[in-house]
């Protein structure tokens, strides 16, 4: 089994690196780690991974991201923007933090890696001004569509809100920030 991730997992990605979450069929996590290590030696070693059931997490230089799509055991790829610790104890404090979060995160490495896989246009993966958004409304296919997912950890009694509440709040703020359309 892959060993613990070797970097501080709560810090944001360095400018030239992006953290990737690759989903794999359950039971193939070790094989995926081996395939990825073979492709990216000496960049990655077996100690460069964190695994969960059906998921493999690792960091790559942005210049190498285009190669990851050829790994056979990988089903889906996600660019991780940030790992968030528990911020506040009350619902109000948590919601207030999530309303400012999109403006505080470094989206660049994740968006750059996303563009590699989707050959996306630069103007639609950066925050859009209201005027640009209005002009793009006539060209719906040019506007990115997104959805947010939230998975809380810990006992249910630990949280005073549900995952859908945070998904809705954070998704709305991201929609305002980027001008992207919601697609559930």
N, C-alpha and C. Protein backbone atom coordinates (compact mmCIF):
# COMPACT_ATOMS: atom_id res chain seq x y z
N UNK A 1 0.84 -1.19 0.00
CA UNK A 1 0.00 0.00 0.00
C UNK A 1 0.88 1.24 0.00
N UNK A 2 0.45 2.31 -0.65
CA UNK A 2 1.23 3.55 -0.71
C UNK A 2 1.38 4.14 0.68
N UNK A 3 2.53 4.72 0.92
CA UNK A 3 2.79 5.32 2.22
C UNK A 3 2.18 6.71 2.30
N UNK A 4 2.33 7.32 3.47
CA UNK A 4 1.74 8.64 3.72
C UNK A 4 2.30 9.69 2.76
N UNK A 5 1.49 10.66 2.47
CA UNK A 5 1.87 11.77 1.60
C UNK A 5 3.03 12.51 2.25
N UNK A 6 4.05 12.90 1.49
CA UNK A 6 5.26 13.44 2.07
C UNK A 6 5.28 14.96 2.24
N UNK A 7 4.28 15.65 1.76
CA UNK A 7 4.26 17.10 1.91
C UNK A 7 3.19 17.52 2.89
N UNK A 8 3.25 18.78 3.33
CA UNK A 8 2.22 19.31 4.22
C UNK A 8 0.94 19.39 3.42
N UNK A 9 -0.04 18.59 3.79
CA UNK A 9 -1.23 18.42 2.99
C UNK A 9 -2.21 19.59 3.06
N UNK A 10 -2.04 20.48 4.02
CA UNK A 10 -2.99 21.60 4.13
C UNK A 10 -2.49 22.84 3.42
N UNK A 11 -1.23 22.88 3.02
CA UNK A 11 -0.77 24.09 2.34
C UNK A 11 -1.19 24.06 0.88
N UNK A 12 -1.35 25.25 0.31
CA UNK A 12 -1.78 25.33 -1.08
C UNK A 12 -0.64 24.91 -1.99
N UNK A 13 -0.98 24.48 -3.20
CA UNK A 13 0.01 24.04 -4.17
C UNK A 13 0.98 25.16 -4.49
N UNK A 14 2.23 24.75 -4.75
CA UNK A 14 3.20 25.73 -5.19
C UNK A 14 2.80 26.20 -6.58
N UNK A 15 3.37 27.33 -6.98
CA UNK A 15 2.97 27.94 -8.25
C UNK A 15 3.15 26.98 -9.43
N UNK A 16 4.22 26.19 -9.45
CA UNK A 16 4.48 25.34 -10.61
C UNK A 16 3.92 23.93 -10.47
N UNK A 17 3.29 23.60 -9.36
CA UNK A 17 2.74 22.27 -9.14
C UNK A 17 1.22 22.31 -8.99
N UNK A 18 0.61 21.18 -9.29
CA UNK A 18 -0.83 21.03 -9.08
C UNK A 18 -1.06 19.69 -8.41
N UNK A 19 -2.01 19.67 -7.50
CA UNK A 19 -2.37 18.42 -6.87
C UNK A 19 -3.49 17.77 -7.67
N UNK A 20 -3.33 16.50 -7.94
CA UNK A 20 -4.28 15.73 -8.74
C UNK A 20 -4.94 14.67 -7.86
N UNK A 21 -6.23 14.49 -8.04
CA UNK A 21 -6.95 13.34 -7.47
C UNK A 21 -7.38 12.50 -8.65
N UNK A 22 -6.86 11.28 -8.71
CA UNK A 22 -7.24 10.35 -9.77
C UNK A 22 -8.16 9.30 -9.17
N UNK A 23 -9.34 9.12 -9.77
CA UNK A 23 -10.21 8.04 -9.31
C UNK A 23 -9.86 6.79 -10.11
N UNK A 24 -9.89 5.67 -9.40
CA UNK A 24 -9.56 4.37 -9.99
C UNK A 24 -10.57 3.35 -9.46
N UNK A 25 -10.74 2.24 -10.16
CA UNK A 25 -11.61 1.20 -9.60
C UNK A 25 -11.07 0.74 -8.24
N UNK A 26 -11.96 0.52 -7.30
CA UNK A 26 -11.55 0.08 -5.97
C UNK A 26 -10.69 -1.16 -6.09
N UNK A 27 -9.56 -1.13 -5.40
CA UNK A 27 -8.62 -2.25 -5.43
C UNK A 27 -7.45 -2.01 -6.37
N UNK A 28 -7.55 -1.02 -7.25
CA UNK A 28 -6.46 -0.73 -8.18
C UNK A 28 -5.62 0.48 -7.76
N UNK A 29 -5.77 0.94 -6.53
CA UNK A 29 -5.03 2.10 -6.07
C UNK A 29 -3.52 1.88 -6.16
N UNK A 30 -3.05 0.70 -5.71
CA UNK A 30 -1.62 0.41 -5.71
C UNK A 30 -1.10 0.32 -7.15
N UNK A 31 -1.87 -0.30 -8.03
CA UNK A 31 -1.47 -0.40 -9.43
C UNK A 31 -1.38 0.99 -10.06
N UNK A 32 -2.34 1.84 -9.77
CA UNK A 32 -2.31 3.21 -10.29
C UNK A 32 -1.07 3.94 -9.80
N UNK A 33 -0.74 3.79 -8.52
CA UNK A 33 0.47 4.43 -7.97
C UNK A 33 1.71 3.93 -8.70
N UNK A 34 1.77 2.64 -8.98
CA UNK A 34 2.92 2.07 -9.70
C UNK A 34 3.01 2.63 -11.12
N UNK A 35 1.87 2.68 -11.82
CA UNK A 35 1.86 3.21 -13.18
C UNK A 35 2.29 4.68 -13.21
N UNK A 36 1.77 5.45 -12.28
CA UNK A 36 2.10 6.88 -12.22
C UNK A 36 3.58 7.06 -11.88
N UNK A 37 4.08 6.27 -10.93
CA UNK A 37 5.49 6.35 -10.55
C UNK A 37 6.39 6.02 -11.73
N UNK A 38 6.05 4.97 -12.48
CA UNK A 38 6.84 4.60 -13.66
C UNK A 38 6.89 5.73 -14.68
N UNK A 39 5.75 6.37 -14.90
CA UNK A 39 5.69 7.43 -15.89
C UNK A 39 6.45 8.68 -15.44
N UNK A 40 6.44 8.97 -14.15
CA UNK A 40 6.98 10.24 -13.67
C UNK A 40 8.24 10.08 -12.81
N UNK A 41 8.96 8.97 -12.92
CA UNK A 41 10.25 8.84 -12.25
C UNK A 41 11.20 9.80 -12.93
N UNK A 42 11.99 10.60 -12.27
CA UNK A 42 12.23 10.69 -10.84
C UNK A 42 11.39 11.74 -10.13
N UNK A 43 10.39 12.30 -10.80
CA UNK A 43 9.56 13.35 -10.19
C UNK A 43 8.79 12.80 -8.99
N UNK A 44 8.24 11.60 -9.12
CA UNK A 44 7.45 10.99 -8.06
C UNK A 44 8.08 9.69 -7.60
N UNK A 45 7.89 9.38 -6.33
CA UNK A 45 8.29 8.09 -5.79
C UNK A 45 7.05 7.47 -5.14
N UNK A 46 7.17 6.25 -4.66
CA UNK A 46 6.02 5.60 -4.02
C UNK A 46 5.60 6.33 -2.76
N UNK A 47 6.46 7.19 -2.22
CA UNK A 47 6.11 7.97 -1.03
C UNK A 47 5.39 9.27 -1.39
N UNK A 48 5.16 9.50 -2.65
CA UNK A 48 4.54 10.75 -3.11
C UNK A 48 3.03 10.69 -3.18
N UNK A 49 2.42 9.62 -2.72
CA UNK A 49 0.99 9.42 -2.89
C UNK A 49 0.26 9.36 -1.56
N UNK A 50 -1.00 9.75 -1.61
CA UNK A 50 -1.94 9.50 -0.53
C UNK A 50 -3.08 8.75 -1.20
N UNK A 51 -3.49 7.65 -0.61
CA UNK A 51 -4.58 6.88 -1.22
C UNK A 51 -5.77 6.79 -0.28
N UNK A 52 -6.92 6.72 -0.88
CA UNK A 52 -8.18 6.41 -0.22
C UNK A 52 -8.87 5.39 -1.11
N UNK A 53 -9.92 4.80 -0.62
CA UNK A 53 -10.62 3.81 -1.43
C UNK A 53 -11.06 4.43 -2.75
N UNK A 54 -10.51 3.91 -3.84
CA UNK A 54 -10.87 4.39 -5.17
C UNK A 54 -10.26 5.71 -5.58
N UNK A 55 -9.30 6.23 -4.80
CA UNK A 55 -8.69 7.53 -5.12
C UNK A 55 -7.20 7.50 -4.84
N UNK A 56 -6.47 8.24 -5.69
CA UNK A 56 -5.03 8.41 -5.52
C UNK A 56 -4.74 9.90 -5.64
N UNK A 57 -4.06 10.48 -4.65
CA UNK A 57 -3.70 11.89 -4.65
C UNK A 57 -2.20 12.03 -4.83
N UNK A 58 -1.77 12.99 -5.67
CA UNK A 58 -0.35 13.25 -5.87
C UNK A 58 -0.18 14.64 -6.48
N UNK A 59 1.06 15.15 -6.44
CA UNK A 59 1.34 16.46 -7.01
C UNK A 59 2.30 16.30 -8.19
N UNK A 60 2.05 17.11 -9.22
CA UNK A 60 2.88 17.10 -10.43
C UNK A 60 3.21 18.52 -10.84
N UNK A 61 4.36 18.71 -11.50
CA UNK A 61 4.61 20.01 -12.12
C UNK A 61 3.59 20.23 -13.24
N UNK A 62 3.16 21.46 -13.42
CA UNK A 62 2.17 21.77 -14.46
C UNK A 62 2.66 21.34 -15.85
N UNK A 63 3.96 21.37 -16.05
CA UNK A 63 4.50 21.00 -17.36
C UNK A 63 4.36 19.51 -17.66
N UNK A 64 4.03 18.69 -16.67
CA UNK A 64 3.92 17.25 -16.84
C UNK A 64 2.46 16.75 -16.85
N UNK A 65 1.53 17.62 -16.55
CA UNK A 65 0.13 17.23 -16.39
C UNK A 65 -0.45 16.58 -17.64
N UNK A 66 -0.04 17.01 -18.81
CA UNK A 66 -0.59 16.48 -20.06
C UNK A 66 -0.35 14.98 -20.22
N UNK A 67 0.64 14.43 -19.55
CA UNK A 67 0.97 13.00 -19.68
C UNK A 67 0.05 12.08 -18.88
N UNK A 68 -0.58 12.60 -17.86
CA UNK A 68 -1.33 11.74 -16.93
C UNK A 68 -2.53 11.07 -17.57
N UNK A 69 -3.06 11.64 -18.62
CA UNK A 69 -4.23 11.07 -19.28
C UNK A 69 -3.99 9.71 -19.91
N UNK A 70 -2.75 9.31 -20.09
CA UNK A 70 -2.46 8.02 -20.72
C UNK A 70 -2.34 6.87 -19.73
N UNK A 71 -2.50 7.13 -18.44
CA UNK A 71 -2.44 6.07 -17.43
C UNK A 71 -3.72 5.24 -17.55
N UNK A 72 -3.60 3.96 -17.74
CA UNK A 72 -4.75 3.11 -18.04
C UNK A 72 -5.66 2.85 -16.85
N UNK A 73 -5.15 2.82 -15.65
CA UNK A 73 -5.99 2.47 -14.49
C UNK A 73 -6.84 3.64 -14.00
N UNK A 74 -6.61 4.83 -14.51
CA UNK A 74 -7.32 6.03 -14.05
C UNK A 74 -8.65 6.19 -14.78
N UNK A 75 -9.71 6.43 -13.99
CA UNK A 75 -11.04 6.69 -14.56
C UNK A 75 -11.27 8.17 -14.78
N UNK A 76 -11.06 8.98 -13.73
CA UNK A 76 -11.31 10.43 -13.79
C UNK A 76 -10.17 11.16 -13.10
N UNK A 77 -9.96 12.41 -13.51
CA UNK A 77 -8.94 13.26 -12.91
C UNK A 77 -9.58 14.54 -12.38
N UNK A 78 -9.16 14.95 -11.21
CA UNK A 78 -9.62 16.19 -10.60
C UNK A 78 -8.42 16.99 -10.17
N UNK A 79 -8.44 18.29 -10.42
CA UNK A 79 -7.40 19.19 -9.94
C UNK A 79 -7.87 19.75 -8.60
N UNK A 80 -7.10 19.54 -7.56
CA UNK A 80 -7.46 19.98 -6.21
C UNK A 80 -7.05 21.44 -6.03
N UNK A 81 -7.98 22.26 -5.64
CA UNK A 81 -7.69 23.67 -5.38
C UNK A 81 -7.12 23.83 -3.98
N UNK A 82 -7.74 23.20 -2.97
CA UNK A 82 -7.27 23.31 -1.59
C UNK A 82 -7.94 22.25 -0.73
N UNK A 83 -7.27 21.89 0.33
CA UNK A 83 -7.86 21.06 1.38
C UNK A 83 -8.19 22.01 2.52
N UNK A 84 -9.39 21.93 3.03
CA UNK A 84 -9.84 22.90 4.01
C UNK A 84 -10.03 22.25 5.37
N UNK A 85 -9.38 22.78 6.38
CA UNK A 85 -9.62 22.28 7.74
C UNK A 85 -10.95 22.82 8.25
N UNK A 86 -11.41 22.30 9.36
CA UNK A 86 -12.63 22.83 9.98
C UNK A 86 -12.31 24.26 10.43
N UNK A 87 -13.12 25.20 9.96
CA UNK A 87 -12.84 26.60 10.26
C UNK A 87 -13.46 27.07 11.56
N UNK A 88 -14.73 26.88 11.71
CA UNK A 88 -15.46 27.54 12.78
C UNK A 88 -16.42 26.55 13.43
N UNK A 89 -16.83 26.89 14.61
CA UNK A 89 -17.74 25.99 15.32
C UNK A 89 -19.21 26.26 15.00
N UNK A 90 -19.56 27.49 14.69
CA UNK A 90 -20.96 27.79 14.44
C UNK A 90 -21.28 27.82 12.95
N UNK A 91 -22.53 27.60 12.64
CA UNK A 91 -23.00 27.62 11.27
C UNK A 91 -22.75 28.99 10.63
N UNK A 92 -23.04 30.04 11.36
CA UNK A 92 -22.88 31.40 10.84
C UNK A 92 -21.43 31.71 10.51
N UNK A 93 -20.50 31.33 11.41
CA UNK A 93 -19.07 31.57 11.16
C UNK A 93 -18.58 30.78 9.95
N UNK A 94 -19.01 29.53 9.85
CA UNK A 94 -18.60 28.69 8.73
C UNK A 94 -19.12 29.25 7.42
N UNK A 95 -20.39 29.64 7.38
CA UNK A 95 -20.97 30.20 6.16
C UNK A 95 -20.27 31.51 5.78
N UNK A 96 -19.95 32.34 6.75
CA UNK A 96 -19.25 33.60 6.46
C UNK A 96 -17.88 33.33 5.84
N UNK A 97 -17.18 32.31 6.34
CA UNK A 97 -15.86 31.97 5.80
C UNK A 97 -15.99 31.47 4.36
N UNK A 98 -16.97 30.62 4.09
CA UNK A 98 -17.13 30.08 2.75
C UNK A 98 -17.57 31.15 1.75
N UNK A 99 -18.18 32.23 2.21
CA UNK A 99 -18.58 33.31 1.29
C UNK A 99 -17.38 34.10 0.79
N UNK A 100 -16.28 34.10 1.53
CA UNK A 100 -15.08 34.83 1.10
C UNK A 100 -14.02 33.90 0.51
N UNK A 101 -14.18 32.62 0.69
CA UNK A 101 -13.16 31.65 0.30
C UNK A 101 -12.75 31.71 -1.18
N UNK A 102 -13.64 31.81 -2.15
CA UNK A 102 -13.19 31.84 -3.55
C UNK A 102 -12.23 32.99 -3.85
N UNK A 103 -12.35 34.07 -3.12
CA UNK A 103 -11.49 35.24 -3.34
C UNK A 103 -10.12 35.05 -2.69
N UNK A 104 -9.99 34.09 -1.78
CA UNK A 104 -8.75 33.87 -1.04
C UNK A 104 -7.91 32.73 -1.61
N UNK A 105 -8.49 31.85 -2.39
CA UNK A 105 -7.79 30.67 -2.89
C UNK A 105 -6.93 31.00 -4.11
N UNK A 106 -5.87 30.24 -4.28
CA UNK A 106 -5.05 30.33 -5.49
C UNK A 106 -5.59 29.29 -6.48
N UNK A 107 -6.38 29.74 -7.42
CA UNK A 107 -7.03 28.87 -8.39
C UNK A 107 -6.11 28.52 -9.56
N UNK A 108 -5.04 29.28 -9.77
CA UNK A 108 -4.23 29.17 -10.98
C UNK A 108 -3.73 27.77 -11.32
N UNK A 109 -3.04 27.05 -10.40
CA UNK A 109 -2.54 25.73 -10.80
C UNK A 109 -3.65 24.76 -11.21
N UNK A 110 -4.75 24.78 -10.48
CA UNK A 110 -5.85 23.87 -10.80
C UNK A 110 -6.50 24.22 -12.13
N UNK A 111 -6.71 25.49 -12.38
CA UNK A 111 -7.32 25.90 -13.65
C UNK A 111 -6.38 25.66 -14.83
N UNK A 112 -5.09 25.88 -14.62
CA UNK A 112 -4.12 25.61 -15.69
C UNK A 112 -4.12 24.13 -16.06
N UNK A 113 -4.15 23.26 -15.06
CA UNK A 113 -4.16 21.82 -15.36
C UNK A 113 -5.48 21.42 -16.01
N UNK A 114 -6.59 22.03 -15.56
CA UNK A 114 -7.89 21.75 -16.17
C UNK A 114 -7.87 22.12 -17.65
N UNK A 115 -7.26 23.26 -17.97
CA UNK A 115 -7.19 23.71 -19.36
C UNK A 115 -6.41 22.73 -20.23
N UNK A 116 -5.40 22.09 -19.66
CA UNK A 116 -4.62 21.11 -20.42
C UNK A 116 -5.53 19.98 -20.89
N UNK A 117 -6.41 19.51 -20.02
CA UNK A 117 -7.29 18.39 -20.37
C UNK A 117 -8.47 18.79 -21.24
N UNK A 118 -8.84 20.04 -21.22
CA UNK A 118 -10.04 20.46 -21.93
C UNK A 118 -9.78 21.46 -23.05
N UNK A 119 -8.53 21.78 -23.32
CA UNK A 119 -8.17 22.76 -24.34
C UNK A 119 -9.05 24.01 -24.23
N UNK A 120 -9.17 24.51 -23.00
CA UNK A 120 -10.08 25.62 -22.72
C UNK A 120 -9.46 26.97 -23.09
N UNK A 121 -10.33 27.91 -23.32
CA UNK A 121 -9.98 29.27 -23.64
C UNK A 121 -9.64 30.02 -22.34
N UNK A 122 -8.56 30.81 -22.35
CA UNK A 122 -8.13 31.55 -21.15
C UNK A 122 -9.21 32.45 -20.58
N UNK A 123 -10.00 33.11 -21.43
CA UNK A 123 -10.93 34.11 -20.92
C UNK A 123 -12.08 33.50 -20.11
N UNK A 124 -12.34 32.21 -20.30
CA UNK A 124 -13.45 31.63 -19.56
C UNK A 124 -13.02 30.90 -18.30
N UNK A 125 -11.71 30.85 -18.02
CA UNK A 125 -11.26 30.18 -16.80
C UNK A 125 -10.65 31.17 -15.81
N UNK A 126 -10.91 32.44 -16.02
CA UNK A 126 -10.51 33.46 -15.06
C UNK A 126 -11.77 34.22 -14.67
N UNK A 127 -11.74 34.90 -13.53
CA UNK A 127 -12.95 35.65 -13.15
C UNK A 127 -13.36 36.62 -14.26
N UNK A 128 -14.62 36.62 -14.58
CA UNK A 128 -15.14 37.44 -15.66
C UNK A 128 -15.81 38.69 -15.13
N UNK A 129 -15.61 39.78 -15.84
CA UNK A 129 -16.32 41.00 -15.47
C UNK A 129 -17.78 40.84 -15.88
N UNK A 130 -18.63 41.65 -15.30
CA UNK A 130 -20.06 41.57 -15.61
C UNK A 130 -20.30 41.83 -17.09
N UNK A 131 -19.57 42.77 -17.69
CA UNK A 131 -19.74 43.09 -19.10
C UNK A 131 -19.39 41.89 -19.99
N UNK A 132 -18.30 41.22 -19.70
CA UNK A 132 -17.91 40.04 -20.49
C UNK A 132 -18.96 38.95 -20.34
N UNK A 133 -19.44 38.73 -19.09
CA UNK A 133 -20.47 37.72 -18.85
C UNK A 133 -21.71 37.98 -19.69
N UNK A 134 -22.15 39.24 -19.74
CA UNK A 134 -23.34 39.59 -20.51
C UNK A 134 -23.13 39.30 -21.99
N UNK A 135 -21.92 39.59 -22.51
CA UNK A 135 -21.63 39.32 -23.92
C UNK A 135 -21.60 37.83 -24.22
N UNK A 136 -21.15 37.03 -23.26
CA UNK A 136 -21.06 35.59 -23.47
C UNK A 136 -22.40 34.88 -23.34
N UNK A 137 -23.37 35.51 -22.71
CA UNK A 137 -24.66 34.87 -22.52
C UNK A 137 -25.29 34.47 -23.85
N UNK A 138 -24.97 35.20 -24.91
CA UNK A 138 -25.48 34.85 -26.23
C UNK A 138 -24.78 33.62 -26.81
N UNK A 139 -23.63 33.28 -26.24
CA UNK A 139 -22.83 32.13 -26.70
C UNK A 139 -22.71 31.15 -25.55
N UNK A 140 -23.83 30.54 -25.18
CA UNK A 140 -23.90 29.67 -24.01
C UNK A 140 -22.83 28.58 -24.02
N UNK A 141 -22.44 28.08 -25.18
CA UNK A 141 -21.46 27.00 -25.23
C UNK A 141 -20.07 27.46 -24.78
N UNK A 142 -19.82 28.77 -24.78
CA UNK A 142 -18.52 29.29 -24.36
C UNK A 142 -18.42 29.45 -22.85
N UNK A 143 -19.52 29.42 -22.14
CA UNK A 143 -19.50 29.60 -20.69
C UNK A 143 -19.28 28.24 -20.04
N UNK A 144 -18.33 28.19 -19.14
CA UNK A 144 -18.07 26.95 -18.43
C UNK A 144 -19.23 26.61 -17.52
N UNK A 145 -19.46 25.34 -17.37
CA UNK A 145 -20.47 24.86 -16.43
C UNK A 145 -19.75 24.09 -15.34
N UNK A 146 -20.24 24.18 -14.11
CA UNK A 146 -19.57 23.55 -12.98
C UNK A 146 -20.58 23.10 -11.94
N UNK A 147 -20.09 22.34 -10.99
CA UNK A 147 -20.87 22.01 -9.81
C UNK A 147 -19.90 21.88 -8.64
N UNK A 148 -20.40 22.11 -7.46
CA UNK A 148 -19.58 21.94 -6.27
C UNK A 148 -20.05 20.70 -5.52
N UNK A 149 -19.11 20.07 -4.85
CA UNK A 149 -19.41 18.92 -4.01
C UNK A 149 -18.76 19.14 -2.66
N UNK A 150 -19.45 18.80 -1.62
CA UNK A 150 -18.93 18.95 -0.26
C UNK A 150 -19.15 17.64 0.48
N UNK A 151 -18.11 17.16 1.11
CA UNK A 151 -18.20 15.95 1.91
C UNK A 151 -17.60 16.26 3.28
N UNK A 152 -18.44 16.40 4.25
CA UNK A 152 -17.98 16.71 5.60
C UNK A 152 -17.43 15.45 6.24
N UNK A 153 -16.49 15.62 7.13
CA UNK A 153 -15.92 14.49 7.86
C UNK A 153 -16.28 14.62 9.33
N UNK A 154 -16.36 13.51 10.01
CA UNK A 154 -16.65 13.52 11.44
C UNK A 154 -18.09 13.16 11.73
N UNK A 155 -18.40 13.17 13.00
CA UNK A 155 -19.75 12.80 13.45
C UNK A 155 -20.77 13.84 12.99
N UNK A 156 -21.98 13.39 12.66
CA UNK A 156 -23.04 14.30 12.23
C UNK A 156 -23.33 15.36 13.29
N UNK A 157 -23.21 14.97 14.55
CA UNK A 157 -23.48 15.92 15.63
C UNK A 157 -22.44 17.02 15.70
N UNK A 158 -21.32 16.85 15.02
CA UNK A 158 -20.24 17.84 15.02
C UNK A 158 -20.58 19.05 14.16
N UNK A 159 -21.53 18.90 13.23
CA UNK A 159 -21.85 19.96 12.28
C UNK A 159 -23.28 20.46 12.50
N UNK A 160 -23.44 21.78 12.37
CA UNK A 160 -24.78 22.35 12.52
C UNK A 160 -25.40 22.67 11.16
N UNK A 161 -24.88 22.07 10.11
CA UNK A 161 -25.38 22.30 8.76
C UNK A 161 -25.13 21.04 7.93
N UNK A 162 -25.82 20.94 6.82
CA UNK A 162 -25.66 19.79 5.95
C UNK A 162 -24.72 20.08 4.78
N UNK A 163 -24.20 19.03 4.19
CA UNK A 163 -23.32 19.19 3.02
C UNK A 163 -24.00 19.97 1.90
N UNK A 164 -25.29 19.72 1.61
CA UNK A 164 -25.95 20.49 0.54
C UNK A 164 -25.99 22.00 0.84
N UNK A 165 -26.03 22.38 2.12
CA UNK A 165 -26.03 23.80 2.48
C UNK A 165 -24.73 24.47 2.05
N UNK A 166 -23.60 23.81 2.33
CA UNK A 166 -22.29 24.36 1.96
C UNK A 166 -22.11 24.31 0.45
N UNK A 167 -22.54 23.23 -0.18
CA UNK A 167 -22.44 23.13 -1.64
C UNK A 167 -23.16 24.30 -2.31
N UNK A 168 -24.36 24.56 -1.86
CA UNK A 168 -25.19 25.63 -2.43
C UNK A 168 -24.52 27.00 -2.20
N UNK A 169 -24.05 27.25 -0.99
CA UNK A 169 -23.43 28.53 -0.66
C UNK A 169 -22.14 28.74 -1.45
N UNK A 170 -21.24 27.77 -1.38
CA UNK A 170 -19.95 27.91 -2.06
C UNK A 170 -20.13 27.95 -3.57
N UNK A 171 -21.05 27.15 -4.11
CA UNK A 171 -21.32 27.17 -5.54
C UNK A 171 -21.83 28.52 -6.00
N UNK A 172 -22.70 29.13 -5.20
CA UNK A 172 -23.22 30.45 -5.56
C UNK A 172 -22.14 31.51 -5.57
N UNK A 173 -21.24 31.46 -4.59
CA UNK A 173 -20.16 32.44 -4.53
C UNK A 173 -19.19 32.22 -5.70
N UNK A 174 -18.90 30.96 -6.03
CA UNK A 174 -18.03 30.67 -7.18
C UNK A 174 -18.67 31.13 -8.48
N UNK A 175 -19.98 30.96 -8.58
CA UNK A 175 -20.70 31.42 -9.77
C UNK A 175 -20.57 32.93 -9.91
N UNK A 176 -20.72 33.65 -8.81
CA UNK A 176 -20.56 35.10 -8.84
C UNK A 176 -19.13 35.50 -9.19
N UNK A 177 -18.16 34.79 -8.65
CA UNK A 177 -16.74 35.10 -8.84
C UNK A 177 -16.29 34.85 -10.28
N UNK A 178 -16.63 33.67 -10.82
CA UNK A 178 -16.14 33.30 -12.15
C UNK A 178 -17.13 33.60 -13.27
N UNK A 179 -18.41 33.67 -12.96
CA UNK A 179 -19.40 33.87 -14.00
C UNK A 179 -19.76 32.59 -14.73
N UNK A 180 -19.44 31.46 -14.14
CA UNK A 180 -19.75 30.17 -14.75
C UNK A 180 -21.20 29.80 -14.48
N UNK A 181 -21.73 28.94 -15.33
CA UNK A 181 -23.11 28.46 -15.16
C UNK A 181 -23.11 27.19 -14.32
N UNK A 182 -24.15 27.01 -13.54
CA UNK A 182 -24.29 25.83 -12.71
C UNK A 182 -24.84 24.69 -13.55
N UNK A 183 -24.26 23.51 -13.39
CA UNK A 183 -24.74 22.32 -14.09
C UNK A 183 -24.74 21.17 -13.10
N UNK A 184 -25.91 20.80 -12.63
CA UNK A 184 -25.99 19.70 -11.67
C UNK A 184 -26.10 18.40 -12.41
